[in-house]
N, C-alpha and C. Protein backbone atom coordinates (compact mmCIF):
# COMPACT_ATOMS: atom_id res chain seq x y z
N MET A 1 118.54 94.88 69.03
CA MET A 1 117.74 95.36 69.91
C MET A 1 116.40 95.20 69.22
N ALA A 2 115.21 94.56 69.91
CA ALA A 2 113.95 94.78 69.02
C ALA A 2 113.33 95.82 69.36
N PRO A 3 112.27 96.43 68.63
CA PRO A 3 111.79 97.80 68.97
C PRO A 3 110.55 97.28 70.12
N ILE A 4 110.51 98.33 71.09
CA ILE A 4 109.39 98.03 71.97
C ILE A 4 108.17 98.34 71.24
N ASN A 5 106.82 97.37 71.23
CA ASN A 5 105.65 96.93 70.92
C ASN A 5 104.96 97.78 71.67
N ILE A 6 104.67 99.21 72.02
CA ILE A 6 103.61 99.61 73.10
C ILE A 6 102.43 98.99 73.00
N SER A 7 101.99 98.28 71.93
CA SER A 7 100.92 97.75 72.49
C SER A 7 100.96 96.60 72.95
N ASP A 8 101.82 95.93 73.29
CA ASP A 8 102.35 94.67 73.94
C ASP A 8 102.22 95.16 75.57
N GLN A 9 103.06 96.72 75.42
CA GLN A 9 103.08 97.08 77.08
C GLN A 9 101.79 97.17 77.65
N SER A 10 100.93 98.03 76.66
CA SER A 10 99.84 98.14 77.06
C SER A 10 98.78 97.15 77.94
N ALA A 11 98.95 95.89 77.04
CA ALA A 11 98.04 94.80 77.33
C ALA A 11 98.69 94.29 78.61
N ASN A 12 100.09 94.07 78.71
CA ASN A 12 100.11 93.63 79.85
C ASN A 12 99.94 94.21 80.90
N GLY A 13 100.08 95.45 81.13
CA GLY A 13 99.62 96.49 82.18
C GLY A 13 98.21 96.10 82.48
N GLU A 14 97.38 95.83 81.90
CA GLU A 14 96.15 95.23 81.84
C GLU A 14 96.08 93.96 82.36
N ILE A 15 96.59 92.99 82.17
CA ILE A 15 97.04 91.82 82.29
C ILE A 15 97.31 91.82 84.06
N LEU A 16 98.29 92.67 84.29
CA LEU A 16 98.47 92.75 85.93
C LEU A 16 97.84 93.28 86.58
N GLY A 17 97.10 94.24 85.87
CA GLY A 17 96.05 94.80 86.63
C GLY A 17 95.13 93.44 87.01
N ASP A 18 94.23 92.83 86.61
CA ASP A 18 93.45 91.69 86.35
C ASP A 18 94.50 90.75 87.32
N GLN A 19 95.71 90.41 87.06
CA GLN A 19 95.89 89.31 87.85
C GLN A 19 96.47 89.79 89.77
N ILE A 20 96.88 91.17 89.68
CA ILE A 20 96.56 91.77 91.08
C ILE A 20 95.14 90.99 91.87
N VAL A 21 93.78 91.72 91.28
CA VAL A 21 92.61 91.42 91.52
C VAL A 21 92.34 90.19 91.88
N ASP A 22 92.53 89.16 90.72
CA ASP A 22 92.60 87.83 90.90
C ASP A 22 93.14 86.96 92.08
N THR A 23 94.35 87.66 92.26
CA THR A 23 95.16 87.25 93.52
C THR A 23 94.44 87.27 94.74
N LEU A 24 93.94 88.41 94.57
CA LEU A 24 93.36 88.91 96.01
C LEU A 24 92.22 87.98 96.28
N VAL A 25 91.15 87.73 95.66
CA VAL A 25 90.42 86.94 95.39
C VAL A 25 90.48 85.65 95.75
N SER A 26 91.63 85.02 94.95
CA SER A 26 91.95 83.76 95.63
C SER A 26 92.37 84.05 96.91
N MET A 27 93.27 84.86 97.34
CA MET A 27 93.74 84.75 98.79
C MET A 27 92.78 84.93 99.59
N TYR A 28 91.71 85.67 99.30
CA TYR A 28 90.02 85.57 99.89
C TYR A 28 89.36 84.04 100.23
N GLU A 29 89.20 83.19 99.18
CA GLU A 29 88.78 81.86 99.16
C GLU A 29 89.31 80.96 99.61
N LYS A 30 90.82 81.18 99.84
CA LYS A 30 91.55 80.40 100.59
C LYS A 30 91.20 80.74 102.49
N ALA A 31 91.44 81.78 102.35
CA ALA A 31 90.89 82.09 103.79
C ALA A 31 89.65 81.60 104.04
N GLN A 32 88.77 81.68 103.39
CA GLN A 32 87.23 81.36 103.83
C GLN A 32 87.21 79.77 103.77
N ARG A 33 87.88 79.02 102.89
CA ARG A 33 88.29 77.47 102.92
C ARG A 33 88.68 76.77 104.46
N GLN A 34 89.87 77.95 104.57
CA GLN A 34 90.67 77.51 105.85
C GLN A 34 89.83 77.96 107.10
N GLN A 35 88.93 79.06 106.89
CA GLN A 35 88.16 79.14 108.24
C GLN A 35 87.04 79.20 108.34
N PRO A 36 86.12 78.44 108.06
CA PRO A 36 84.81 78.70 107.29
C PRO A 36 83.71 79.28 108.15
N GLN A 37 84.24 78.77 109.64
CA GLN A 37 83.49 79.29 110.79
C GLN A 37 83.44 80.84 111.06
N GLU A 38 84.33 81.65 110.27
CA GLU A 38 84.53 83.06 110.63
C GLU A 38 83.71 83.92 109.21
N GLU A 39 83.65 85.18 108.94
CA GLU A 39 83.17 85.70 108.24
C GLU A 39 83.66 86.60 107.27
N PRO A 40 83.21 87.50 106.08
CA PRO A 40 83.78 88.14 105.43
C PRO A 40 85.13 89.13 105.74
N HIS A 41 84.78 89.88 106.94
CA HIS A 41 85.82 90.52 107.44
C HIS A 41 87.20 89.85 107.67
N VAL A 42 87.18 88.91 108.17
CA VAL A 42 88.18 88.22 108.71
C VAL A 42 89.12 87.43 107.73
N TRP A 43 87.94 87.12 106.52
CA TRP A 43 88.77 86.58 105.04
C TRP A 43 89.27 87.67 104.49
N LEU A 44 88.55 88.74 104.68
CA LEU A 44 89.52 89.93 103.66
C LEU A 44 90.54 90.23 104.43
N GLY A 45 90.83 90.77 106.17
CA GLY A 45 91.91 90.67 106.92
C GLY A 45 93.12 89.36 106.52
N ASN A 46 92.72 88.43 106.26
CA ASN A 46 93.29 87.12 106.02
C ASN A 46 94.26 87.66 104.56
N ALA A 47 93.26 87.69 103.88
CA ALA A 47 93.91 88.35 102.34
C ALA A 47 94.71 89.64 102.45
N TRP A 48 94.59 90.66 103.07
CA TRP A 48 95.55 91.45 103.22
C TRP A 48 96.76 90.91 104.08
N LEU A 49 96.59 90.34 105.09
CA LEU A 49 97.82 90.14 105.97
C LEU A 49 98.82 89.29 104.62
N GLY A 50 98.11 88.42 103.79
CA GLY A 50 98.89 87.64 102.83
C GLY A 50 99.72 88.37 101.70
N ARG A 51 99.09 89.45 101.44
CA ARG A 51 99.24 90.24 100.30
C ARG A 51 100.62 91.07 101.34
N ALA A 52 99.90 91.86 102.28
CA ALA A 52 101.05 92.67 102.79
C ALA A 52 102.15 91.64 103.26
N GLU A 53 102.34 90.77 103.66
CA GLU A 53 103.38 90.01 103.59
C GLU A 53 104.07 89.26 102.30
N ALA A 54 103.49 89.57 101.17
CA ALA A 54 104.38 88.66 100.31
C ALA A 54 104.70 89.86 99.05
N GLU A 55 103.95 91.10 99.39
CA GLU A 55 104.38 92.03 98.80
C GLU A 55 105.44 93.43 99.18
N HIS A 56 105.05 93.40 100.06
CA HIS A 56 105.55 94.63 100.89
C HIS A 56 106.43 94.33 102.36
N GLU A 57 106.70 93.03 102.50
CA GLU A 57 107.92 92.64 103.31
C GLU A 57 107.31 93.03 104.43
N VAL A 58 105.82 92.94 105.04
CA VAL A 58 105.51 92.86 106.38
C VAL A 58 105.66 92.16 107.08
N ASP A 59 106.12 92.26 107.94
CA ASP A 59 105.82 90.90 109.40
C ASP A 59 104.79 90.98 109.87
N ILE A 60 104.00 89.93 109.28
CA ILE A 60 102.40 90.09 109.75
C ILE A 60 101.94 89.35 111.19
N HIS A 61 103.31 88.78 111.66
CA HIS A 61 103.32 88.53 113.08
C HIS A 61 103.81 89.42 114.10
N THR A 62 103.66 90.58 113.60
CA THR A 62 103.83 91.95 114.55
C THR A 62 102.61 92.27 115.42
N PRO A 63 102.49 92.25 116.63
CA PRO A 63 101.53 92.57 117.59
C PRO A 63 100.74 93.51 116.77
N GLY A 64 99.60 93.34 116.62
CA GLY A 64 98.29 94.30 116.12
C GLY A 64 98.46 94.64 114.56
N MET A 65 99.07 93.76 114.09
CA MET A 65 99.00 93.56 112.59
C MET A 65 97.51 93.31 112.23
N LEU A 66 96.98 92.21 112.71
CA LEU A 66 95.53 91.79 112.59
C LEU A 66 95.00 92.81 112.49
N LYS A 67 95.12 93.88 113.51
CA LYS A 67 94.05 94.94 113.77
C LYS A 67 94.30 95.90 112.51
N VAL A 68 95.29 96.41 112.12
CA VAL A 68 95.65 96.92 110.94
C VAL A 68 94.69 96.49 109.96
N ALA A 69 95.24 95.34 109.51
CA ALA A 69 94.22 94.32 108.56
C ALA A 69 92.80 94.57 108.50
N LEU A 70 92.41 94.63 109.63
CA LEU A 70 90.83 94.85 109.87
C LEU A 70 90.62 96.08 109.53
N TYR A 71 91.37 97.21 110.15
CA TYR A 71 90.95 98.38 109.68
C TYR A 71 91.15 98.81 108.06
N GLU A 72 92.01 98.27 107.61
CA GLU A 72 92.45 98.54 106.16
C GLU A 72 91.30 97.98 105.18
N THR A 73 90.67 96.87 105.85
CA THR A 73 89.44 96.12 105.16
C THR A 73 88.21 96.34 105.52
N TYR A 74 88.15 97.28 105.91
CA TYR A 74 86.59 97.78 107.02
C TYR A 74 85.42 98.05 105.84
N LEU A 75 86.13 99.15 105.28
CA LEU A 75 85.04 99.91 103.57
C LEU A 75 84.73 98.24 103.15
N CYS A 76 85.95 97.32 102.52
CA CYS A 76 85.64 96.06 101.87
C CYS A 76 84.63 95.24 102.40
N SER A 77 84.70 95.03 103.58
CA SER A 77 84.22 94.51 104.30
C SER A 77 82.46 94.74 104.47
N CYS A 78 82.13 96.10 103.60
CA CYS A 78 80.68 96.37 103.77
C CYS A 78 80.35 95.88 102.44
N VAL A 79 81.27 95.11 101.19
CA VAL A 79 80.74 95.07 100.22
C VAL A 79 79.87 93.47 99.69
N GLU A 80 78.90 93.25 99.27
CA GLU A 80 78.42 92.18 99.32
C GLU A 80 79.60 91.17 99.06
N PRO A 81 79.82 89.68 99.78
CA PRO A 81 80.33 88.78 99.56
C PRO A 81 80.02 87.94 98.25
N PRO A 82 80.87 87.72 97.33
CA PRO A 82 82.21 87.38 97.10
C PRO A 82 82.93 88.77 96.56
N LEU A 83 81.94 89.73 96.34
CA LEU A 83 82.69 91.06 95.48
C LEU A 83 83.12 91.67 96.40
N CYS A 84 83.15 91.71 98.08
CA CYS A 84 83.93 92.41 98.72
C CYS A 84 85.57 91.70 98.79
N ALA A 85 85.94 90.61 98.06
CA ALA A 85 87.17 90.54 97.79
C ALA A 85 87.62 90.90 96.41
N ARG A 86 86.98 91.35 95.39
CA ARG A 86 87.11 92.22 94.11
C ARG A 86 87.59 93.24 94.95
N ALA A 87 86.79 93.86 95.67
CA ALA A 87 86.67 95.14 95.86
C ALA A 87 88.21 95.55 96.76
N LEU A 88 88.62 94.49 97.19
CA LEU A 88 89.78 94.68 98.19
C LEU A 88 91.05 94.58 97.03
N GLY A 89 90.91 93.52 96.24
CA GLY A 89 91.58 93.40 95.26
C GLY A 89 92.00 94.84 94.26
N LEU A 90 90.96 95.54 94.42
CA LEU A 90 90.89 96.84 93.26
C LEU A 90 91.68 98.15 94.10
N TYR A 91 91.34 97.96 95.32
CA TYR A 91 92.06 98.74 96.68
C TYR A 91 93.73 98.43 96.08
N PHE A 92 94.06 97.36 96.19
CA PHE A 92 95.95 97.20 96.29
C PHE A 92 96.17 97.52 94.92
N LEU A 93 95.24 97.23 93.94
CA LEU A 93 95.68 97.78 93.00
C LEU A 93 95.65 99.37 92.84
N PHE A 94 94.57 99.72 93.29
CA PHE A 94 94.51 101.25 93.38
C PHE A 94 96.33 101.86 94.63
N LYS A 95 96.47 101.16 95.33
CA LYS A 95 97.68 101.23 96.14
C LYS A 95 99.27 101.49 95.45
N GLU A 96 99.12 100.06 94.50
CA GLU A 96 100.74 99.04 94.28
C GLU A 96 100.85 100.30 92.66
N GLN A 97 99.48 99.98 91.92
CA GLN A 97 99.98 100.44 90.70
C GLN A 97 99.21 101.50 89.98
N PRO A 98 99.16 102.46 90.79
CA PRO A 98 97.84 103.75 90.50
C PRO A 98 97.85 104.28 88.78
N GLU A 99 99.11 103.70 87.97
CA GLU A 99 99.13 104.01 87.09
C GLU A 99 98.54 103.50 85.95
N ILE A 100 98.23 102.07 86.17
CA ILE A 100 97.47 101.13 85.62
C ILE A 100 95.87 101.57 85.88
N VAL A 101 95.83 101.46 86.85
CA VAL A 101 94.34 102.42 87.31
C VAL A 101 93.66 103.58 86.38
N GLU A 102 94.76 104.35 86.30
CA GLU A 102 94.44 105.74 85.25
C GLU A 102 94.56 105.37 83.93
N LYS A 103 95.27 104.47 83.35
CA LYS A 103 95.45 103.83 82.06
C LYS A 103 94.15 102.87 81.76
N TYR A 104 93.87 102.36 82.46
CA TYR A 104 92.53 101.16 82.33
C TYR A 104 91.37 101.75 83.44
N PRO A 105 90.07 102.98 82.81
CA PRO A 105 89.59 103.16 83.49
C PRO A 105 88.35 101.71 83.85
N LYS A 106 88.47 100.59 83.58
CA LYS A 106 87.50 99.97 84.32
C LYS A 106 87.78 99.69 85.46
N PHE A 107 88.92 99.66 85.90
CA PHE A 107 89.28 99.28 87.34
C PHE A 107 88.48 100.08 88.30
N ALA A 108 88.83 101.69 87.80
CA ALA A 108 88.23 102.22 88.36
C ALA A 108 86.73 102.18 88.58
N LYS A 109 86.25 102.07 87.53
CA LYS A 109 84.69 101.97 87.11
C LYS A 109 84.42 100.97 88.04
N GLU A 110 84.93 99.64 88.13
CA GLU A 110 84.42 98.76 88.79
C GLU A 110 84.19 98.87 90.50
N PHE A 111 85.68 99.56 91.24
CA PHE A 111 85.98 99.98 92.04
C PHE A 111 84.70 100.70 92.96
N ASP A 112 84.63 101.87 92.10
CA ASP A 112 83.50 102.85 92.05
C ASP A 112 82.13 101.74 92.07
N GLU A 113 81.76 101.21 91.56
CA GLU A 113 80.57 100.59 91.71
C GLU A 113 80.63 99.66 92.92
N LEU A 114 81.37 98.88 92.98
CA LEU A 114 81.54 98.17 94.40
C LEU A 114 81.64 99.01 95.53
N ILE A 115 82.47 100.11 96.08
CA ILE A 115 82.68 100.69 97.01
C ILE A 115 81.89 102.32 96.91
N GLY A 116 81.02 102.75 96.09
CA GLY A 116 79.94 103.71 96.06
C GLY A 116 79.03 103.73 97.19
N PRO A 117 77.97 102.44 97.33
CA PRO A 117 77.18 102.30 97.78
C PRO A 117 77.66 102.33 99.46
N VAL A 118 78.83 101.69 99.91
CA VAL A 118 79.51 101.96 101.10
C VAL A 118 80.14 103.49 101.39
N LEU A 119 80.34 104.29 100.56
CA LEU A 119 80.62 105.32 101.20
C LEU A 119 79.50 106.23 100.95
N GLU A 120 78.49 106.17 100.33
CA GLU A 120 77.16 106.52 100.64
C GLU A 120 76.16 106.30 102.16
N ALA A 121 76.34 104.72 102.20
CA ALA A 121 76.20 104.29 103.75
C ALA A 121 76.92 104.96 104.67
N ARG A 122 78.13 105.02 104.35
CA ARG A 122 79.11 106.09 105.57
C ARG A 122 78.48 107.48 105.97
N THR A 123 78.49 108.09 104.70
CA THR A 123 77.51 109.61 104.89
C THR A 123 76.36 109.39 105.22
N ASN A 124 75.40 108.61 104.91
CA ASN A 124 73.94 109.07 105.72
C ASN A 124 73.88 108.19 106.95
N GLY A 125 75.36 107.71 107.67
CA GLY A 125 74.91 107.06 108.78
C GLY A 125 74.47 105.26 109.26
N THR A 126 74.43 104.49 107.68
CA THR A 126 73.95 103.27 107.86
C THR A 126 75.20 102.49 107.88
N ILE A 127 76.35 102.81 107.83
CA ILE A 127 77.36 102.13 107.35
C ILE A 127 77.52 100.37 108.46
N ASP A 128 77.51 100.75 109.72
CA ASP A 128 77.33 99.82 110.54
C ASP A 128 76.01 98.66 110.47
N ALA A 129 75.24 99.06 109.88
CA ALA A 129 73.84 98.17 109.48
C ALA A 129 74.58 97.27 108.49
N LEU A 130 75.27 97.99 107.29
CA LEU A 130 75.64 97.33 106.05
C LEU A 130 76.51 96.37 106.47
N TYR A 131 77.61 96.79 107.41
CA TYR A 131 78.46 95.99 107.85
C TYR A 131 77.79 94.84 108.62
N ARG A 132 76.89 94.82 109.29
CA ARG A 132 76.26 93.41 110.38
C ARG A 132 75.67 92.94 109.29
N LEU A 133 74.93 93.60 108.16
CA LEU A 133 74.38 92.73 107.23
C LEU A 133 75.29 91.48 106.69
N TYR A 134 76.47 91.31 106.32
CA TYR A 134 77.32 90.58 105.78
C TYR A 134 78.31 90.14 106.96
N ASN A 135 78.60 90.77 107.94
CA ASN A 135 79.18 90.24 109.19
C ASN A 135 78.33 90.26 110.39
N PRO A 136 77.55 89.58 110.71
CA PRO A 136 76.76 89.75 111.83
C PRO A 136 77.40 89.23 113.03
N ASN A 137 78.32 88.20 113.00
CA ASN A 137 78.79 87.87 114.39
C ASN A 137 80.14 88.62 114.40
N SER A 138 80.40 89.47 113.71
CA SER A 138 82.03 90.23 114.13
C SER A 138 81.31 91.47 114.38
N ALA A 139 80.20 91.92 114.35
CA ALA A 139 79.78 93.22 114.64
C ALA A 139 80.34 94.24 115.99
N GLU A 140 80.67 93.25 116.63
CA GLU A 140 81.31 94.02 117.96
C GLU A 140 82.53 94.85 117.74
N HIS A 141 83.17 94.30 116.39
CA HIS A 141 84.25 95.03 115.87
C HIS A 141 84.35 96.09 115.00
N SER A 142 82.89 96.36 115.05
CA SER A 142 82.85 97.72 113.90
C SER A 142 82.62 98.90 114.99
N SER A 143 83.45 99.47 115.13
CA SER A 143 83.48 100.33 115.86
C SER A 143 83.52 101.74 115.27
N GLY A 144 83.22 102.97 115.65
CA GLY A 144 83.30 104.40 114.84
C GLY A 144 84.46 105.00 114.81
N SER A 145 85.77 104.35 115.31
CA SER A 145 87.19 104.57 114.98
C SER A 145 87.15 103.76 113.55
N VAL A 146 86.85 102.67 113.24
CA VAL A 146 87.52 101.96 112.49
C VAL A 146 86.98 102.58 110.84
N HIS A 147 86.08 103.44 110.92
CA HIS A 147 85.77 104.00 109.68
C HIS A 147 85.63 105.35 109.79
C-alpha cells in the first residue's frame, strides 16, 4: 500500500470546496436560463432545491419545499447577482463540509465579503430595500419573518 500524501489530500479538499461552489453557480445559471422571467431569489431557490434533492435526498415535491428553499436563500438573494450564486455555494460548503472551510480560509473570507453587507443591512433595518434592489418583482415575498 502506497503512503498517503498529505499535500495531495489537502489539495483535494480545496478542489472539492471549489467544486461545490461551482456546482451551485451552475445550478443557478441553469435556473436562470430555464426561467428568464423570474428573479434571482427564485433562481437561488431552484438551485437550493436541486442541491437538496441531489445531495440530501430531499423530496423537493413535498408541499412547502419551495417556501423552505426561499427561506434558506433569502440572505443570498440580497447579494448582487450573479455573486448571489457564489454566496449560496459557499453557504452549502459551510453546511456540508465545514472542515474544508476551516482548513481553507479563502472560502470564509469570500463568504464574509459577500454576506457581510447583507448582515449589516439586516442590522440597520435596510435589508428589505436591499432585497427589492435585486428582486423588485418578488418583493412581496420579503416579509419580516423570512430574515
